[in-house]
């Protein structure tokens, strides 16, 4: 098993904006559940 990438990140810049980066393990692009996940994403306000 490989070590996953960082699940959160912070980039400090001199600006008034804040960007929060979060990541979690997810299904692969060939997984059949991906389509159900896309519908769920649209339903809960995905962009």
N, C-alpha and C. Protein backbone atom coordinates (compact mmCIF):
# COMPACT_ATOMS: atom_id res chain seq x y z
N UNK A 1 0.85 -1.17 0.00
CA UNK A 1 0.00 0.00 0.00
C UNK A 1 0.90 1.24 0.00
N UNK A 2 0.54 2.23 -0.80
CA UNK A 2 1.35 3.44 -0.87
C UNK A 2 0.86 4.49 0.11
N UNK A 3 1.75 5.40 0.43
CA UNK A 3 1.40 6.49 1.35
C UNK A 3 0.61 7.55 0.57
N UNK A 4 -0.58 7.93 1.05
CA UNK A 4 -1.38 8.92 0.34
C UNK A 4 -0.75 10.31 0.41
N UNK A 5 -1.11 11.14 -0.55
CA UNK A 5 -0.64 12.53 -0.54
C UNK A 5 -1.25 13.26 0.64
N UNK A 6 -0.74 14.45 0.92
CA UNK A 6 -1.29 15.24 2.01
C UNK A 6 -2.78 15.46 1.79
N UNK A 7 -3.55 15.42 2.86
CA UNK A 7 -5.00 15.59 2.74
C UNK A 7 -5.45 17.02 2.97
N UNK A 8 -4.54 17.89 3.33
CA UNK A 8 -4.87 19.30 3.52
C UNK A 8 -3.64 20.13 3.20
N UNK A 9 -3.87 21.36 2.81
CA UNK A 9 -2.74 22.21 2.48
C UNK A 9 -3.03 23.66 2.81
N UNK A 10 -1.97 24.42 3.00
CA UNK A 10 -2.09 25.83 3.29
C UNK A 10 -1.04 26.57 2.48
N UNK A 11 -1.48 27.55 1.71
CA UNK A 11 -0.57 28.38 0.95
C UNK A 11 -0.74 29.81 1.47
N UNK A 12 0.30 30.34 2.07
CA UNK A 12 0.22 31.68 2.66
C UNK A 12 0.58 32.73 1.61
N UNK A 13 -0.34 33.66 1.38
CA UNK A 13 -0.12 34.75 0.45
C UNK A 13 -0.69 36.03 1.06
N UNK A 14 -0.19 37.16 0.63
CA UNK A 14 -0.67 38.45 1.12
C UNK A 14 -1.90 38.84 0.32
N UNK A 15 -3.05 38.38 0.76
CA UNK A 15 -4.31 38.65 0.08
C UNK A 15 -5.43 38.61 1.11
N UNK A 16 -6.58 39.11 0.74
CA UNK A 16 -7.74 39.10 1.63
C UNK A 16 -8.57 37.83 1.47
N UNK A 17 -8.17 36.96 0.59
CA UNK A 17 -8.92 35.73 0.34
C UNK A 17 -8.29 34.58 1.11
N UNK A 18 -9.12 33.58 1.38
CA UNK A 18 -8.65 32.34 1.98
C UNK A 18 -9.08 31.18 1.10
N UNK A 19 -8.15 30.30 0.81
CA UNK A 19 -8.45 29.10 0.03
C UNK A 19 -8.13 27.89 0.89
N UNK A 20 -9.09 27.02 1.04
CA UNK A 20 -8.93 25.81 1.85
C UNK A 20 -8.93 24.61 0.92
N UNK A 21 -7.91 23.79 0.99
CA UNK A 21 -7.77 22.62 0.14
C UNK A 21 -7.93 21.37 0.99
N UNK A 22 -8.90 20.54 0.65
CA UNK A 22 -9.11 19.29 1.37
C UNK A 22 -9.19 18.15 0.38
N UNK A 23 -8.68 17.02 0.76
CA UNK A 23 -8.74 15.85 -0.10
C UNK A 23 -8.98 14.59 0.70
N UNK A 24 -9.63 13.63 0.09
CA UNK A 24 -9.88 12.34 0.72
C UNK A 24 -9.71 11.25 -0.33
N UNK A 25 -9.46 10.04 0.09
CA UNK A 25 -9.43 8.95 -0.88
C UNK A 25 -10.80 8.83 -1.56
N UNK A 26 -10.78 8.54 -2.82
CA UNK A 26 -12.04 8.45 -3.58
C UNK A 26 -11.96 7.29 -4.56
N UNK A 27 -13.06 7.03 -5.22
CA UNK A 27 -13.10 5.95 -6.20
C UNK A 27 -12.34 6.35 -7.46
N UNK A 28 -11.91 5.38 -8.22
CA UNK A 28 -11.17 5.62 -9.45
C UNK A 28 -12.08 6.10 -10.58
N UNK A 29 -11.45 6.58 -11.64
CA UNK A 29 -12.23 7.12 -12.75
C UNK A 29 -12.98 6.05 -13.53
N UNK A 30 -12.63 4.79 -13.36
CA UNK A 30 -13.32 3.71 -14.05
C UNK A 30 -14.34 2.99 -13.16
N UNK A 31 -14.50 3.44 -11.93
CA UNK A 31 -15.44 2.83 -10.99
C UNK A 31 -16.87 3.16 -11.40
N UNK A 32 -17.73 2.17 -11.41
CA UNK A 32 -19.13 2.37 -11.82
C UNK A 32 -19.90 3.28 -10.86
N UNK A 33 -19.45 3.38 -9.62
CA UNK A 33 -20.12 4.25 -8.64
C UNK A 33 -19.86 5.73 -8.90
N UNK A 34 -18.97 6.03 -9.81
CA UNK A 34 -18.61 7.42 -10.11
C UNK A 34 -19.81 8.22 -10.59
N UNK A 35 -20.68 7.60 -11.36
CA UNK A 35 -21.86 8.31 -11.89
C UNK A 35 -22.84 8.66 -10.77
N UNK A 36 -23.04 7.75 -9.84
CA UNK A 36 -23.89 8.06 -8.69
C UNK A 36 -23.25 9.16 -7.85
N UNK A 37 -21.95 9.16 -7.74
CA UNK A 37 -21.25 10.21 -7.01
C UNK A 37 -21.40 11.56 -7.70
N UNK A 38 -21.42 11.57 -9.03
CA UNK A 38 -21.59 12.83 -9.77
C UNK A 38 -22.98 13.39 -9.54
N UNK A 39 -23.99 12.52 -9.47
CA UNK A 39 -25.36 12.98 -9.20
C UNK A 39 -25.46 13.54 -7.79
N UNK A 40 -24.86 12.86 -6.83
CA UNK A 40 -24.83 13.35 -5.46
C UNK A 40 -24.12 14.69 -5.37
N UNK A 41 -23.00 14.83 -6.08
CA UNK A 41 -22.26 16.08 -6.08
C UNK A 41 -23.11 17.23 -6.61
N UNK A 42 -23.85 17.00 -7.70
CA UNK A 42 -24.73 18.03 -8.25
C UNK A 42 -25.88 18.34 -7.30
N UNK A 43 -26.38 17.33 -6.61
CA UNK A 43 -27.52 17.53 -5.72
C UNK A 43 -27.17 18.36 -4.49
N UNK A 44 -25.94 18.23 -4.01
CA UNK A 44 -25.56 18.96 -2.80
C UNK A 44 -24.80 20.25 -3.11
N UNK A 45 -24.80 20.66 -4.37
CA UNK A 45 -24.26 21.95 -4.71
C UNK A 45 -22.88 21.94 -5.35
N UNK A 46 -22.52 20.85 -5.96
CA UNK A 46 -21.22 20.80 -6.64
C UNK A 46 -21.17 21.77 -7.81
N UNK A 47 -19.98 22.21 -8.14
CA UNK A 47 -19.80 23.20 -9.19
C UNK A 47 -19.53 22.54 -10.44
